[in-house]
Amino acid sequence: MNEISIPIPHFGENQIAEVEVTVNGKKKKYNYRVESFPWKVTVPAGDMEEQISETQLKIDNLRNMLEEYNHGWEIVQIFTPREQAEYIQVLFRQRHQHQN
């Protein structure tokens, strides 16, 4: 098992959580953050057959923002936005871990 899930109460958007874990007597520290990205797009007018779906536009927009995101952080999870959401949350883990 490479992953464990730890519920963190009251963990808000754009916050960083530091998690320290002891594995076989060795302490490791991990940093996580949740970021919010815009999830609304304007669908261009035009022939319906030529239009990209609204969902595809949202995905393309998010992909572009994530490609430009700080490369010191890796994506852990993209949360499913609720219907009519204006933002989508993404969980990141810091790539270079601090070890004690």
PDB file of N, CA and C in Angstrom:
ATOM      1  N   MET A   1       0.850  -1.175   0.000  1.00  0.00           N
ATOM      2  CA  MET A   1       0.000   0.000   0.000  1.00  0.00           C
ATOM      3  C   MET A   1       0.895   1.237   0.000  1.00  0.00           C
ATOM      4  N   ASN A   2       0.720   2.120  -0.975  1.00  0.00           N
ATOM      5  CA  ASN A   2       1.532   3.329  -1.091  1.00  0.00           C
ATOM      6  C   ASN A   2       0.833   4.578  -0.603  1.00  0.00           C
ATOM      7  N   GLU A   3      -0.468   4.511  -0.419  1.00  0.00           N
ATOM      8  CA  GLU A   3      -1.228   5.700  -0.049  1.00  0.00           C
ATOM      9  C   GLU A   3      -2.124   5.389   1.143  1.00  0.00           C
ATOM     10  N   ILE A   4      -2.314   6.384   2.013  1.00  0.00           N
ATOM     11  CA  ILE A   4      -3.306   6.283   3.072  1.00  0.00           C
ATOM     12  C   ILE A   4      -4.126   7.561   3.047  1.00  0.00           C
ATOM     13  N   SER A   5      -5.336   7.484   3.508  1.00  0.00           N
ATOM     14  CA  SER A   5      -6.224   8.647   3.531  1.00  0.00           C
ATOM     15  C   SER A   5      -6.390   9.102   4.975  1.00  0.00           C
ATOM     16  N   ILE A   6      -6.138  10.386   5.203  1.00  0.00           N
ATOM     17  CA  ILE A   6      -6.251  10.951   6.541  1.00  0.00           C
ATOM     18  C   ILE A   6      -7.211  12.141   6.484  1.00  0.00           C
ATOM     19  N   PRO A   7      -8.404  11.994   7.045  1.00  0.00           N
ATOM     20  CA  PRO A   7      -9.327  13.135   7.076  1.00  0.00           C
ATOM     21  C   PRO A   7      -8.767  14.246   7.965  1.00  0.00           C
ATOM     22  N   ILE A   8      -8.769  15.458   7.463  1.00  0.00           N
ATOM     23  CA  ILE A   8      -8.298  16.609   8.238  1.00  0.00           C
ATOM     24  C   ILE A   8      -9.479  17.561   8.391  1.00  0.00           C
ATOM     25  N   PRO A   9     -10.015  17.687   9.613  1.00  0.00           N
ATOM     26  CA  PRO A   9     -11.177  18.554   9.815  1.00  0.00           C
ATOM     27  C   PRO A   9     -10.855  20.015   9.539  1.00  0.00           C
ATOM     28  N   HIS A  10     -11.811  20.696   8.957  1.00  0.00           N
ATOM     29  CA  HIS A  10     -11.720  22.132   8.701  1.00  0.00           C
ATOM     30  C   HIS A  10     -10.538  22.506   7.817  1.00  0.00           C
ATOM     31  N   PHE A  11     -10.174  21.645   6.887  1.00  0.00           N
ATOM     32  CA  PHE A  11      -9.080  21.934   5.961  1.00  0.00           C
ATOM     33  C   PHE A  11      -9.668  22.734   4.812  1.00  0.00           C
ATOM     34  N   GLY A  12      -9.352  24.016   4.764  1.00  0.00           N
ATOM     35  CA  GLY A  12      -9.952  24.912   3.791  1.00  0.00           C
ATOM     36  C   GLY A  12      -9.163  25.002   2.505  1.00  0.00           C
ATOM     37  N   GLU A  13      -9.713  25.755   1.576  1.00  0.00           N
ATOM     38  CA  GLU A  13      -9.069  25.971   0.284  1.00  0.00           C
ATOM     39  C   GLU A  13      -7.776  26.748   0.474  1.00  0.00           C
ATOM     40  N   ASN A  14      -6.807  26.467  -0.377  1.00  0.00           N
ATOM     41  CA  ASN A  14      -5.532  27.184  -0.421  1.00  0.00           C
ATOM     42  C   ASN A  14      -4.776  27.163   0.907  1.00  0.00           C
ATOM     43  N   GLN A  15      -4.895  26.058   1.643  1.00  0.00           N
ATOM     44  CA  GLN A  15      -4.142  25.891   2.875  1.00  0.00           C
ATOM     45  C   GLN A  15      -3.112  24.793   2.662  1.00  0.00           C
ATOM     46  N   ILE A  16      -2.081  24.773   3.496  1.00  0.00           N
ATOM     47  CA  ILE A  16      -1.060  23.728   3.442  1.00  0.00           C
ATOM     48  C   ILE A  16      -1.144  22.919   4.727  1.00  0.00           C
ATOM     49  N   ALA A  17      -1.218  21.594   4.582  1.00  0.00           N
ATOM     50  CA  ALA A  17      -1.207  20.691   5.734  1.00  0.00           C
ATOM     51  C   ALA A  17       0.139  19.994   5.761  1.00  0.00           C
ATOM     52  N   GLU A  18       0.762  19.978   6.923  1.00  0.00           N
ATOM     53  CA  GLU A  18       2.014  19.243   7.087  1.00  0.00           C
ATOM     54  C   GLU A  18       1.690  17.957   7.826  1.00  0.00           C
ATOM     55  N   VAL A  19       2.069  16.829   7.252  1.00  0.00           N
ATOM     56  CA  VAL A  19       1.784  15.525   7.841  1.00  0.00           C
ATOM     57  C   VAL A  19       3.109  14.841   8.131  1.00  0.00           C
ATOM     58  N   GLU A  20       3.295  14.405   9.377  1.00  0.00           N
ATOM     59  CA  GLU A  20       4.510  13.689   9.741  1.00  0.00           C
ATOM     60  C   GLU A  20       4.128  12.244  10.044  1.00  0.00           C
ATOM     61  N   VAL A  21       4.829  11.320   9.411  1.00  0.00           N
ATOM     62  CA  VAL A  21       4.534   9.899   9.534  1.00  0.00           C
ATOM     63  C   VAL A  21       5.804   9.172   9.952  1.00  0.00           C
ATOM     64  N   THR A  22       5.667   8.200  10.818  1.00  0.00           N
ATOM     65  CA  THR A  22       6.797   7.363  11.195  1.00  0.00           C
ATOM     66  C   THR A  22       6.605   5.992  10.553  1.00  0.00           C
ATOM     67  N   VAL A  23       7.562   5.585   9.716  1.00  0.00           N
ATOM     68  CA  VAL A  23       7.524   4.297   9.033  1.00  0.00           C
ATOM     69  C   VAL A  23       8.799   3.546   9.399  1.00  0.00           C
ATOM     70  N   ASN A  24       8.629   2.382  10.017  1.00  0.00           N
ATOM     71  CA  ASN A  24       9.777   1.588  10.467  1.00  0.00           C
ATOM     72  C   ASN A  24      10.770   2.408  11.280  1.00  0.00           C
ATOM     73  N   GLY A  25      10.237   3.260  12.149  1.00  0.00           N
ATOM     74  CA  GLY A  25      11.086   4.044  13.027  1.00  0.00           C
ATOM     75  C   GLY A  25      11.671   5.301  12.413  1.00  0.00           C
ATOM     76  N   LYS A  26      11.430   5.543  11.126  1.00  0.00           N
ATOM     77  CA  LYS A  26      11.951   6.739  10.458  1.00  0.00           C
ATOM     78  C   LYS A  26      10.813   7.729  10.237  1.00  0.00           C
ATOM     79  N   LYS A  27      11.047   8.976  10.660  1.00  0.00           N
ATOM     80  CA  LYS A  27      10.032  10.015  10.490  1.00  0.00           C
ATOM     81  C   LYS A  27      10.158  10.638   9.108  1.00  0.00           C
ATOM     82  N   LYS A  28       9.011  10.848   8.474  1.00  0.00           N
ATOM     83  CA  LYS A  28       8.952  11.521   7.179  1.00  0.00           C
ATOM     84  C   LYS A  28       7.883  12.594   7.263  1.00  0.00           C
ATOM     85  N   LYS A  29       8.159  13.715   6.617  1.00  0.00           N
ATOM     86  CA  LYS A  29       7.227  14.846   6.638  1.00  0.00           C
ATOM     87  C   LYS A  29       6.746  15.108   5.216  1.00  0.00           C
ATOM     88  N   TYR A  30       5.442  15.279   5.065  1.00  0.00           N
ATOM     89  CA  TYR A  30       4.833  15.531   3.757  1.00  0.00           C
ATOM     90  C   TYR A  30       4.012  16.814   3.844  1.00  0.00           C
ATOM     91  N   ASN A  31       4.051  17.602   2.794  1.00  0.00           N
ATOM     92  CA  ASN A  31       3.252  18.817   2.716  1.00  0.00           C
ATOM     93  C   ASN A  31       2.216  18.673   1.613  1.00  0.00           C
ATOM     94  N   TYR A  32       0.983  19.036   1.939  1.00  0.00           N
ATOM     95  CA  TYR A  32      -0.128  18.970   1.001  1.00  0.00           C
ATOM     96  C   TYR A  32      -0.791  20.333   0.942  1.00  0.00           C
ATOM     97  N   ARG A  33      -1.390  20.617  -0.188  1.00  0.00           N
ATOM     98  CA  ARG A  33      -2.193  21.839  -0.289  1.00  0.00           C
ATOM     99  C   ARG A  33      -3.374  21.574  -1.223  1.00  0.00           C
ATOM    100  N   VAL A  34      -4.450  22.279  -0.955  1.00  0.00           N
ATOM    101  CA  VAL A  34      -5.639  22.232  -1.805  1.00  0.00           C
ATOM    102  C   VAL A  34      -5.764  23.594  -2.460  1.00  0.00           C
ATOM    103  N   GLU A  35      -5.848  23.590  -3.775  1.00  0.00           N
ATOM    104  CA  GLU A  35      -6.009  24.843  -4.524  1.00  0.00           C
ATOM    105  C   GLU A  35      -7.355  24.803  -5.254  1.00  0.00           C
ATOM    106  N   SER A  36      -7.934  25.964  -5.439  1.00  0.00           N
ATOM    107  CA  SER A  36      -9.188  26.094  -6.177  1.00  0.00           C
ATOM    108  C   SER A  36      -8.907  26.758  -7.518  1.00  0.00           C
ATOM    109  N   PHE A  37      -9.484  26.198  -8.571  1.00  0.00           N
ATOM    110  CA  PHE A  37      -9.323  26.736  -9.918  1.00  0.00           C
ATOM    111  C   PHE A  37     -10.699  27.029 -10.502  1.00  0.00           C
ATOM    112  N   PRO A  38     -10.819  28.081 -11.331  1.00  0.00           N
ATOM    113  CA  PRO A  38     -12.107  28.397 -11.940  1.00  0.00           C
ATOM    114  C   PRO A  38     -12.641  27.200 -12.736  1.00  0.00           C
ATOM    115  N   TRP A  39     -13.954  26.951 -12.626  1.00  0.00           N
ATOM    116  CA  TRP A  39     -14.573  25.823 -13.296  1.00  0.00           C
ATOM    117  C   TRP A  39     -15.701  26.264 -14.229  1.00  0.00           C
ATOM    118  N   LYS A  40     -15.892  27.560 -14.361  1.00  0.00           N
ATOM    119  CA  LYS A  40     -16.915  28.072 -15.286  1.00  0.00           C
ATOM    120  C   LYS A  40     -16.242  28.545 -16.552  1.00  0.00           C
ATOM    121  N   VAL A  41     -16.872  28.283 -17.672  1.00  0.00           N
ATOM    122  CA  VAL A  41     -16.361  28.738 -18.955  1.00  0.00           C
ATOM    123  C   VAL A  41     -17.523  29.293 -19.766  1.00  0.00           C
ATOM    124  N   THR A  42     -17.184  30.082 -20.773  1.00  0.00           N
ATOM    125  CA  THR A  42     -18.182  30.591 -21.705  1.00  0.00           C
ATOM    126  C   THR A  42     -18.073  29.775 -22.984  1.00  0.00           C
ATOM    127  N   VAL A  43     -19.181  29.151 -23.364  1.00  0.00           N
ATOM    128  CA  VAL A  43     -19.193  28.346 -24.584  1.00  0.00           C
ATOM    129  C   VAL A  43     -19.373  29.290 -25.767  1.00  0.00           C
ATOM    130  N   PRO A  44     -18.438  29.270 -26.733  1.00  0.00           N
ATOM    131  CA  PRO A  44     -18.551  30.174 -27.877  1.00  0.00           C
ATOM    132  C   PRO A  44     -19.765  29.845 -28.741  1.00  0.00           C
ATOM    133  N   ALA A  45     -20.362  30.887 -29.303  1.00  0.00           N
ATOM    134  CA  ALA A  45     -21.506  30.696 -30.194  1.00  0.00           C
ATOM    135  C   ALA A  45     -21.012  30.140 -31.526  1.00  0.00           C
ATOM    136  N   GLY A  46     -21.873  29.412 -32.214  1.00  0.00           N
ATOM    137  CA  GLY A  46     -21.490  28.861 -33.505  1.00  0.00           C
ATOM    138  C   GLY A  46     -22.260  27.594 -33.807  1.00  0.00           C
ATOM    139  N   ASP A  47     -21.876  26.931 -34.872  1.00  0.00           N
ATOM    140  CA  ASP A  47     -22.508  25.691 -35.296  1.00  0.00           C
ATOM    141  C   ASP A  47     -22.304  24.628 -34.223  1.00  0.00           C
ATOM    142  N   MET A  48     -23.367  23.998 -33.752  1.00  0.00           N
ATOM    143  CA  MET A  48     -23.294  23.009 -32.683  1.00  0.00           C
ATOM    144  C   MET A  48     -22.353  21.859 -33.023  1.00  0.00           C
ATOM    145  N   GLU A  49     -22.269  21.464 -34.285  1.00  0.00           N
ATOM    146  CA  GLU A  49     -21.400  20.351 -34.665  1.00  0.00           C
ATOM    147  C   GLU A  49     -19.923  20.717 -34.509  1.00  0.00           C
ATOM    148  N   GLU A  50     -19.601  21.994 -34.633  1.00  0.00           N
ATOM    149  CA  GLU A  50     -18.211  22.435 -34.541  1.00  0.00           C
ATOM    150  C   GLU A  50     -17.811  22.832 -33.119  1.00  0.00           C
ATOM    151  N   GLN A  51     -18.797  22.997 -32.254  1.00  0.00           N
ATOM    152  CA  GLN A  51     -18.494  23.433 -30.893  1.00  0.00           C
ATOM    153  C   GLN A  51     -17.885  22.315 -30.075  1.00  0.00           C
ATOM    154  N   ILE A  52     -16.960  22.700 -29.233  1.00  0.00           N
ATOM    155  CA  ILE A  52     -16.438  21.773 -28.241  1.00  0.00           C
ATOM    156  C   ILE A  52     -17.430  21.806 -27.077  1.00  0.00           C
ATOM    157  N   SER A  53     -17.670  20.678 -26.466  1.00  0.00           N
ATOM    158  CA  SER A  53     -18.632  20.643 -25.361  1.00  0.00           C
ATOM    159  C   SER A  53     -18.148  21.524 -24.208  1.00  0.00           C
ATOM    160  N   GLU A  54     -19.075  21.975 -23.403  1.00  0.00           N
ATOM    161  CA  GLU A  54     -18.735  22.813 -22.244  1.00  0.00           C
ATOM    162  C   GLU A  54     -17.799  22.057 -21.299  1.00  0.00           C
ATOM    163  N   THR A  55     -18.063  20.780 -21.101  1.00  0.00           N
ATOM    164  CA  THR A  55     -17.209  19.971 -20.227  1.00  0.00           C
ATOM    165  C   THR A  55     -15.793  19.906 -20.766  1.00  0.00           C
ATOM    166  N   GLN A  56     -15.639  19.720 -22.072  1.00  0.00           N
ATOM    167  CA  GLN A  56     -14.302  19.646 -22.668  1.00  0.00           C
ATOM    168  C   GLN A  56     -13.582  20.982 -22.521  1.00  0.00           C
ATOM    169  N   LEU A  57     -14.298  22.087 -22.658  1.00  0.00           N
ATOM    170  CA  LEU A  57     -13.683  23.405 -22.456  1.00  0.00           C
ATOM    171  C   LEU A  57     -13.188  23.566 -21.026  1.00  0.00           C
ATOM    172  N   LYS A  58     -13.989  23.102 -20.058  1.00  0.00           N
ATOM    173  CA  LYS A  58     -13.590  23.184 -18.654  1.00  0.00           C
ATOM    174  C   LYS A  58     -12.326  22.363 -18.413  1.00  0.00           C
ATOM    175  N   ILE A  59     -12.300  21.152 -18.961  1.00  0.00           N
ATOM    176  CA  ILE A  59     -11.145  20.267 -18.783  1.00  0.00           C
ATOM    177  C   ILE A  59      -9.901  20.879 -19.417  1.00  0.00           C
ATOM    178  N   ASP A  60     -10.042  21.401 -20.637  1.00  0.00           N
ATOM    179  CA  ASP A  60      -8.904  22.033 -21.316  1.00  0.00           C
ATOM    180  C   ASP A  60      -8.383  23.231 -20.530  1.00  0.00           C
ATOM    181  N   ASN A  61      -9.296  24.030 -19.994  1.00  0.00           N
ATOM    182  CA  ASN A  61      -8.922  25.202 -19.204  1.00  0.00           C
ATOM    183  C   ASN A  61      -8.158  24.772 -17.945  1.00  0.00           C
ATOM    184  N   LEU A  62      -8.671  23.757 -17.244  1.00  0.00           N
ATOM    185  CA  LEU A  62      -7.998  23.259 -16.045  1.00  0.00           C
ATOM    186  C   LEU A  62      -6.627  22.686 -16.398  1.00  0.00           C
ATOM    187  N   ARG A  63      -6.548  21.927 -17.470  1.00  0.00           N
ATOM    188  CA  ARG A  63      -5.272  21.336 -17.902  1.00  0.00           C
ATOM    189  C   ARG A  63      -4.232  22.432 -18.140  1.00  0.00           C
ATOM    190  N   ASN A  64      -4.629  23.512 -18.797  1.00  0.00           N
ATOM    191  CA  ASN A  64      -3.705  24.621 -19.064  1.00  0.00           C
ATOM    192  C   ASN A  64      -3.217  25.262 -17.764  1.00  0.00           C
ATOM    193  N   MET A  65      -4.125  25.448 -16.802  1.00  0.00           N
ATOM    194  CA  MET A  65      -3.733  26.052 -15.526  1.00  0.00           C
ATOM    195  C   MET A  65      -2.794  25.125 -14.760  1.00  0.00           C
ATOM    196  N   LEU A  66      -3.047  23.815 -14.797  1.00  0.00           N
ATOM    197  CA  LEU A  66      -2.209  22.861 -14.074  1.00  0.00           C
ATOM    198  C   LEU A  66      -0.822  22.736 -14.694  1.00  0.00           C
ATOM    199  N   GLU A  67      -0.731  22.865 -16.012  1.00  0.00           N
ATOM    200  CA  GLU A  67       0.569  22.818 -16.677  1.00  0.00           C
ATOM    201  C   GLU A  67       1.462  23.983 -16.254  1.00  0.00           C
ATOM    202  N   GLU A  68       0.849  25.113 -15.905  1.00  0.00           N
ATOM    203  CA  GLU A  68       1.590  26.302 -15.493  1.00  0.00           C
ATOM    204  C   GLU A  68       1.799  26.363 -13.980  1.00  0.00           C
ATOM    205  N   TYR A  69       1.252  25.401 -13.254  1.00  0.00           N
ATOM    206  CA  TYR A  69       1.324  25.407 -11.800  1.00  0.00           C
ATOM    207  C   TYR A  69       2.756  25.131 -11.337  1.00  0.00           C
ATOM    208  N   ASN A  70       3.092  25.563 -10.156  1.00  0.00           N
ATOM    209  CA  ASN A  70       4.406  25.376  -9.553  1.00  0.00           C
ATOM    210  C   ASN A  70       4.834  23.906  -9.660  1.00  0.00           C
ATOM    211  N   HIS A  71       5.940  23.628 -10.344  1.00  0.00           N
ATOM    212  CA  HIS A  71       6.380  22.258 -10.589  1.00  0.00           C
ATOM    213  C   HIS A  71       6.973  21.594  -9.345  1.00  0.00           C
ATOM    214  N   GLY A  72       7.079  22.326  -8.244  1.00  0.00           N
ATOM    215  CA  GLY A  72       7.517  21.745  -6.985  1.00  0.00           C
ATOM    216  C   GLY A  72       6.408  20.967  -6.293  1.00  0.00           C
ATOM    217  N   TRP A  73       5.216  21.004  -6.873  1.00  0.00           N
ATOM    218  CA  TRP A  73       4.062  20.299  -6.315  1.00  0.00           C
ATOM    219  C   TRP A  73       3.508  19.351  -7.371  1.00  0.00           C
ATOM    220  N   GLU A  74       3.109  18.136  -6.941  1.00  0.00           N
ATOM    221  CA  GLU A  74       2.522  17.165  -7.859  1.00  0.00           C
ATOM    222  C   GLU A  74       1.053  16.959  -7.519  1.00  0.00           C
ATOM    223  N   ILE A  75       0.263  16.638  -8.528  1.00  0.00           N
ATOM    224  CA  ILE A  75      -1.169  16.422  -8.332  1.00  0.00           C
ATOM    225  C   ILE A  75      -1.385  15.074  -7.661  1.00  0.00           C
ATOM    226  N   VAL A  76      -2.180  15.089  -6.596  1.00  0.00           N
ATOM    227  CA  VAL A  76      -2.567  13.862  -5.918  1.00  0.00           C
ATOM    228  C   VAL A  76      -3.988  13.489  -6.326  1.00  0.00           C
ATOM    229  N   GLN A  77      -4.869  14.486  -6.343  1.00  0.00           N
ATOM    230  CA  GLN A  77      -6.268  14.209  -6.646  1.00  0.00           C
ATOM    231  C   GLN A  77      -6.951  15.463  -7.177  1.00  0.00           C
ATOM    232  N   ILE A  78      -7.820  15.261  -8.149  1.00  0.00           N
ATOM    233  CA  ILE A  78      -8.705  16.319  -8.632  1.00  0.00           C
ATOM    234  C   ILE A  78     -10.096  15.930  -8.156  1.00  0.00           C
ATOM    235  N   PHE A  79     -10.681  16.772  -7.316  1.00  0.00           N
ATOM    236  CA  PHE A  79     -11.983  16.458  -6.730  1.00  0.00           C
ATOM    237  C   PHE A  79     -13.102  16.727  -7.735  1.00  0.00           C
ATOM    238  N   THR A  80     -14.147  15.932  -7.659  1.00  0.00           N
ATOM    239  CA  THR A  80     -15.309  16.104  -8.530  1.00  0.00           C
ATOM    240  C   THR A  80     -16.068  17.345  -8.075  1.00  0.00           C
ATOM    241  N   PRO A  81     -16.239  18.313  -8.970  1.00  0.00           N
ATOM    242  CA  PRO A  81     -16.978  19.520  -8.567  1.00  0.00           C
ATOM    243  C   PRO A  81     -18.471  19.213  -8.477  1.00  0.00           C
ATOM    244  N   ARG A  82     -19.133  19.911  -7.595  1.00  0.00           N
ATOM    245  CA  ARG A  82     -20.587  19.734  -7.522  1.00  0.00           C
ATOM    246  C   ARG A  82     -21.230  20.409  -8.719  1.00  0.00           C
ATOM    247  N   GLU A  83     -22.450  20.062  -8.992  1.00  0.00           N
ATOM    248  CA  GLU A  83     -23.156  20.626 -10.142  1.00  0.00           C
ATOM    249  C   GLU A  83     -23.250  22.147  -9.997  1.00  0.00           C
ATOM    250  N   GLN A  84     -23.005  22.855 -11.058  1.00  0.00           N
ATOM    251  CA  GLN A  84     -23.033  24.322 -11.106  1.00  0.00           C
ATOM    252  C   GLN A  84     -21.900  24.971 -10.297  1.00  0.00           C
ATOM    253  N   ALA A  85     -20.854  24.237  -9.976  1.00  0.00           N
ATOM    254  CA  ALA A  85     -19.734  24.784  -9.213  1.00  0.00           C
ATOM    255  C   ALA A  85     -18.992  25.839 -10.036  1.00  0.00           C
ATOM    256  N   GLU A  86     -18.501  26.852  -9.355  1.00  0.00           N
ATOM    257  CA  GLU A  86     -17.698  27.877 -10.005  1.00  0.00           C
ATOM    258  C   GLU A  86     -16.218  27.550  -9.930  1.00  0.00           C
ATOM    259  N   TYR A  87     -15.850  26.680  -8.978  1.00  0.00           N
ATOM    260  CA  TYR A  87     -14.453  26.303  -8.782  1.00  0.00           C
ATOM    261  C   TYR A  87     -14.332  24.786  -8.647  1.00  0.00           C
ATOM    262  N   ILE A  88     -13.140  24.280  -8.995  1.00  0.00           N
ATOM    263  CA  ILE A  88     -12.817  22.872  -8.803  1.00  0.00           C
ATOM    264  C   ILE A  88     -11.570  22.824  -7.922  1.00  0.00           C
ATOM    265  N   GLN A  89     -11.557  21.898  -6.957  1.00  0.00           N
ATOM    266  CA  GLN A  89     -10.419  21.796  -6.043  1.00  0.00           C
ATOM    267  C   GLN A  89      -9.468  20.689  -6.496  1.00  0.00           C
ATOM    268  N   VAL A  90      -8.178  20.958  -6.295  1.00  0.00           N
ATOM    269  CA  VAL A  90      -7.121  20.011  -6.641  1.00  0.00           C
ATOM    270  C   VAL A  90      -6.201  19.878  -5.432  1.00  0.00           C
ATOM    271  N   LEU A  91      -5.884  18.628  -5.078  1.00  0.00           N
ATOM    272  CA  LEU A  91      -4.981  18.351  -3.967  1.00  0.00           C
ATOM    273  C   LEU A  91      -3.585  18.097  -4.515  1.00  0.00           C
ATOM    274  N   PHE A  92      -2.591  18.812  -3.970  1.00  0.00           N
ATOM    275  CA  PHE A  92      -1.193  18.684  -4.391  1.00  0.00           C
ATOM    276  C   PHE A  92      -0.349  18.189  -3.222  1.00  0.00           C
ATOM    277  N   ARG A  93       0.760  17.503  -3.539  1.00  0.00           N
ATOM    278  CA  ARG A  93       1.762  17.090  -2.559  1.00  0.00           C
ATOM    279  C   ARG A  93       3.085  17.696  -2.995  1.00  0.00           C
ATOM    280  N   GLN A  94       3.828  18.239  -2.048  1.00  0.00           N
ATOM    281  CA  GLN A  94       5.114  18.832  -2.369  1.00  0.00           C
ATOM    282  C   GLN A  94       6.080  17.727  -2.814  1.00  0.00           C
ATOM    283  N   ARG A  95       6.768  17.962  -3.935  1.00  0.00           N
ATOM    284  CA  ARG A  95       7.641  16.939  -4.526  1.00  0.00           C
ATOM    285  C   ARG A  95       8.870  16.632  -3.677  1.00  0.00           C
ATOM    286  N   HIS A  96       9.581  17.630  -3.225  1.00  0.00           N
ATOM    287  CA  HIS A  96      10.815  17.424  -2.464  1.00  0.00           C
ATOM    288  C   HIS A  96      10.474  17.399  -0.989  1.00  0.00           C
ATOM    289  N   GLN A  97      10.430  16.198  -0.434  1.00  0.00           N
ATOM    290  CA  GLN A  97      10.007  16.017   0.945  1.00  0.00           C
ATOM    291  C   GLN A  97      11.149  16.308   1.897  1.00  0.00           C
ATOM    292  N   HIS A  98      10.790  16.901   3.012  1.00  0.00           N
ATOM    293  CA  HIS A  98      11.763  17.138   4.096  1.00  0.00           C
ATOM    294  C   HIS A  98      11.816  15.881   4.945  1.00  0.00           C
ATOM    295  N   GLN A  99      12.991  15.428   5.283  1.00  0.00           N
ATOM    296  CA  GLN A  99      13.120  14.256   6.125  1.00  0.00           C
ATOM    297  C   GLN A  99      13.911  14.617   7.367  1.00  0.00           C
ATOM    298  N   ASN A 100      13.461  14.068   8.494  1.00  0.00           N
ATOM    299  CA  ASN A 100      14.155  14.316   9.762  1.00  0.00           C
ATOM    300  C   ASN A 100      15.127  13.186  10.024  1.00  0.00           C
TER     301      ASN A 100
END
